[in-house]
Amino acid sequence: MQLRGVCACGACKVLVDAETPKFSVCCHCTVCRRATGAPYTHFVGFQPDQVKVESGDITKWESSPGCVRNFCKVCGSGVFNECTVPGMEFRDIPAGTLYGNTDAEVPPAKNHIFYGNRVLDVKDGNKKWEGFPYASEEMPE
């Protein structure tokens, strides 16, 4: 699967080249809510080497230990995050920035993480994790 991500102004573009994502989740953590202004954000995660910056000027912010957020220097849109948590390393991309040959190529979320921090109840039948399910627990798909 090849997907592209683009910021709001179009200056920053990323290319994803992966057979399948590591996960597709909705994050309810406080930092994601504050960074996006939304009650939660849908992220699609990949191996770090599967996500490449194609163009644009990126600025970085370490929002929490082990998580660096990459933003477009022009418009401030989140482009991708680089995370290292116990048992795994990944880059995740806001699903709303992704596009492929069809919208159906963007994998739907299957889990909610940091649901204990939610500001909105979601009744979608997906698994709800109070925090983040680290590698020692069942991982989200």
Protein backbone atom coordinates (compact mmCIF):
# COMPACT_ATOMS: atom_id res chain seq x y z
CA MET A 1 0.00 0.00 0.00
CA GLN A 2 1.23 3.47 -0.80
CA LEU A 3 -0.39 6.39 0.96
CA ARG A 4 0.49 10.04 1.03
CA GLY A 5 -0.08 12.51 3.81
CA VAL A 6 -0.26 16.25 3.32
CA CYS A 7 -0.58 19.20 5.69
CA ALA A 8 -3.37 21.80 5.40
CA CYS A 9 -1.39 24.20 3.18
CA GLY A 10 0.16 21.45 1.02
CA ALA A 11 3.78 22.39 1.78
CA CYS A 12 4.63 19.22 3.77
CA LYS A 13 4.10 15.82 2.20
CA VAL A 14 4.93 12.36 3.50
CA LEU A 15 4.96 9.05 1.67
CA VAL A 16 4.00 5.78 3.33
CA ASP A 17 5.15 2.57 1.68
CA ALA A 18 3.95 -0.41 3.71
CA GLU A 19 2.16 -3.70 3.23
CA THR A 20 -0.07 -2.96 6.21
CA PRO A 21 -0.10 -0.53 9.12
CA LYS A 22 1.01 -1.53 12.62
CA PHE A 23 -2.22 -0.10 13.98
CA SER A 24 -5.09 2.27 13.36
CA VAL A 25 -6.41 3.91 16.53
CA CYS A 26 -8.29 6.90 17.90
CA CYS A 27 -6.29 8.72 20.57
CA HIS A 28 -8.07 10.58 23.37
CA CYS A 29 -4.95 11.79 25.22
CA THR A 30 -4.86 15.33 26.51
CA VAL A 31 -1.96 16.37 24.24
CA CYS A 32 -3.70 15.13 21.07
CA ARG A 33 -6.91 16.91 22.05
CA ARG A 34 -5.07 20.16 22.69
CA ALA A 35 -2.90 19.89 19.55
CA THR A 36 -5.88 19.30 17.25
CA GLY A 37 -8.79 20.94 19.04
CA ALA A 38 -10.79 17.75 18.48
CA PRO A 39 -12.15 15.33 21.12
CA TYR A 40 -9.91 12.60 19.66
CA THR A 41 -7.64 11.99 16.67
CA HIS A 42 -7.52 8.97 14.37
CA PHE A 43 -3.90 7.91 13.79
CA VAL A 44 -2.50 5.20 11.51
CA GLY A 45 0.84 3.80 12.71
CA PHE A 46 3.70 2.37 10.66
CA GLN A 47 7.27 1.16 11.08
CA PRO A 48 9.55 4.24 11.22
CA ASP A 49 11.32 3.40 7.95
CA GLN A 50 7.98 3.15 6.09
CA VAL A 51 7.22 6.88 6.50
CA LYS A 52 9.37 9.36 4.56
CA VAL A 53 9.15 13.13 4.28
CA GLU A 54 8.80 13.99 0.57
CA SER A 55 8.74 17.76 0.85
CA GLY A 56 8.30 20.67 3.20
CA ASP A 57 9.84 22.31 6.20
CA ILE A 58 9.09 20.39 9.39
CA THR A 59 9.41 21.60 12.95
CA LYS A 60 9.53 19.17 15.89
CA TRP A 61 8.15 19.25 19.42
CA GLU A 62 8.66 16.57 22.07
CA SER A 63 5.16 16.57 23.51
CA SER A 64 5.84 13.81 26.02
CA PRO A 65 8.76 11.49 26.80
CA GLY A 66 9.25 9.24 23.77
CA CYS A 67 6.88 11.15 21.48
CA VAL A 68 8.04 13.82 19.02
CA ARG A 69 5.38 15.58 16.96
CA ASN A 70 6.30 16.86 13.50
CA PHE A 71 4.45 19.93 12.23
CA CYS A 72 4.48 21.98 9.05
CA LYS A 73 6.48 25.19 9.65
CA VAL A 74 4.12 27.11 7.35
CA CYS A 75 0.61 26.18 8.56
CA GLY A 76 1.29 24.32 11.83
CA SER A 77 -0.60 21.17 10.81
CA GLY A 78 0.49 17.90 12.39
CA VAL A 79 2.20 15.76 9.75
CA PHE A 80 3.35 12.72 11.75
CA ASN A 81 4.56 11.66 15.19
CA GLU A 82 7.72 9.68 16.01
CA CYS A 83 7.18 7.54 19.10
CA THR A 84 9.21 5.11 21.15
CA VAL A 85 7.28 3.35 23.87
CA PRO A 86 8.16 0.20 25.82
CA GLY A 87 8.39 -2.62 23.31
CA MET A 88 7.80 -0.66 20.12
CA GLU A 89 8.86 2.21 17.89
CA PHE A 90 6.59 3.75 15.27
CA ARG A 91 5.57 6.77 13.24
CA ASP A 92 1.89 7.59 13.22
CA ILE A 93 0.09 9.88 10.85
CA PRO A 94 -3.22 11.68 11.40
CA ALA A 95 -5.65 9.74 9.22
CA GLY A 96 -7.32 12.92 8.00
CA THR A 97 -4.11 13.90 6.18
CA LEU A 98 -3.79 10.57 4.32
CA TYR A 99 -4.94 9.76 0.85
CA GLY A 100 -4.28 6.91 -1.57
CA ASN A 101 -5.86 5.81 -4.82
CA THR A 102 -9.18 5.74 -2.96
CA ASP A 103 -10.28 6.81 0.51
CA ALA A 104 -10.94 3.12 1.22
CA GLU A 105 -7.16 2.61 1.44
CA VAL A 106 -7.00 4.54 4.73
CA PRO A 107 -7.52 1.84 7.38
CA PRO A 108 -10.41 2.43 9.79
CA ALA A 109 -9.66 2.72 13.51
CA LYS A 110 -10.13 -0.49 15.48
CA ASN A 111 -9.29 0.75 18.99
CA HIS A 112 -9.47 3.82 21.20
CA ILE A 113 -6.42 4.62 23.34
CA PHE A 114 -6.22 6.88 26.40
CA TYR A 115 -10.00 6.51 26.58
CA GLY A 116 -9.76 7.29 30.30
CA ASN A 117 -8.97 10.88 29.25
CA ARG A 118 -11.95 11.20 26.90
CA VAL A 119 -14.18 14.25 26.76
CA LEU A 120 -16.70 12.48 24.53
CA ASP A 121 -18.14 8.97 24.79
CA VAL A 122 -17.84 6.99 21.56
CA LYS A 123 -20.24 4.13 20.88
CA ASP A 124 -18.70 2.39 17.88
CA GLY A 125 -18.11 -1.14 19.15
CA ASN A 126 -14.30 -0.75 19.07
CA LYS A 127 -12.10 -1.73 22.02
CA LYS A 128 -11.50 1.06 24.54
CA TRP A 129 -8.15 1.19 26.39
CA GLU A 130 -7.83 3.39 29.49
CA GLY A 131 -4.22 4.17 28.47
CA PHE A 132 -1.86 2.84 25.83
CA PRO A 133 -1.60 -0.97 25.42
CA TYR A 134 2.15 -1.47 25.50
CA ALA A 135 3.89 -4.47 23.91
CA SER A 136 3.47 -6.46 27.13
CA GLU A 137 -0.31 -6.28 26.63
CA GLU A 138 -2.51 -7.08 23.65
CA MET A 139 -1.54 -4.60 20.94
CA PRO A 140 -4.10 -2.63 18.94
CA GLU A 141 -4.35 -3.52 15.27
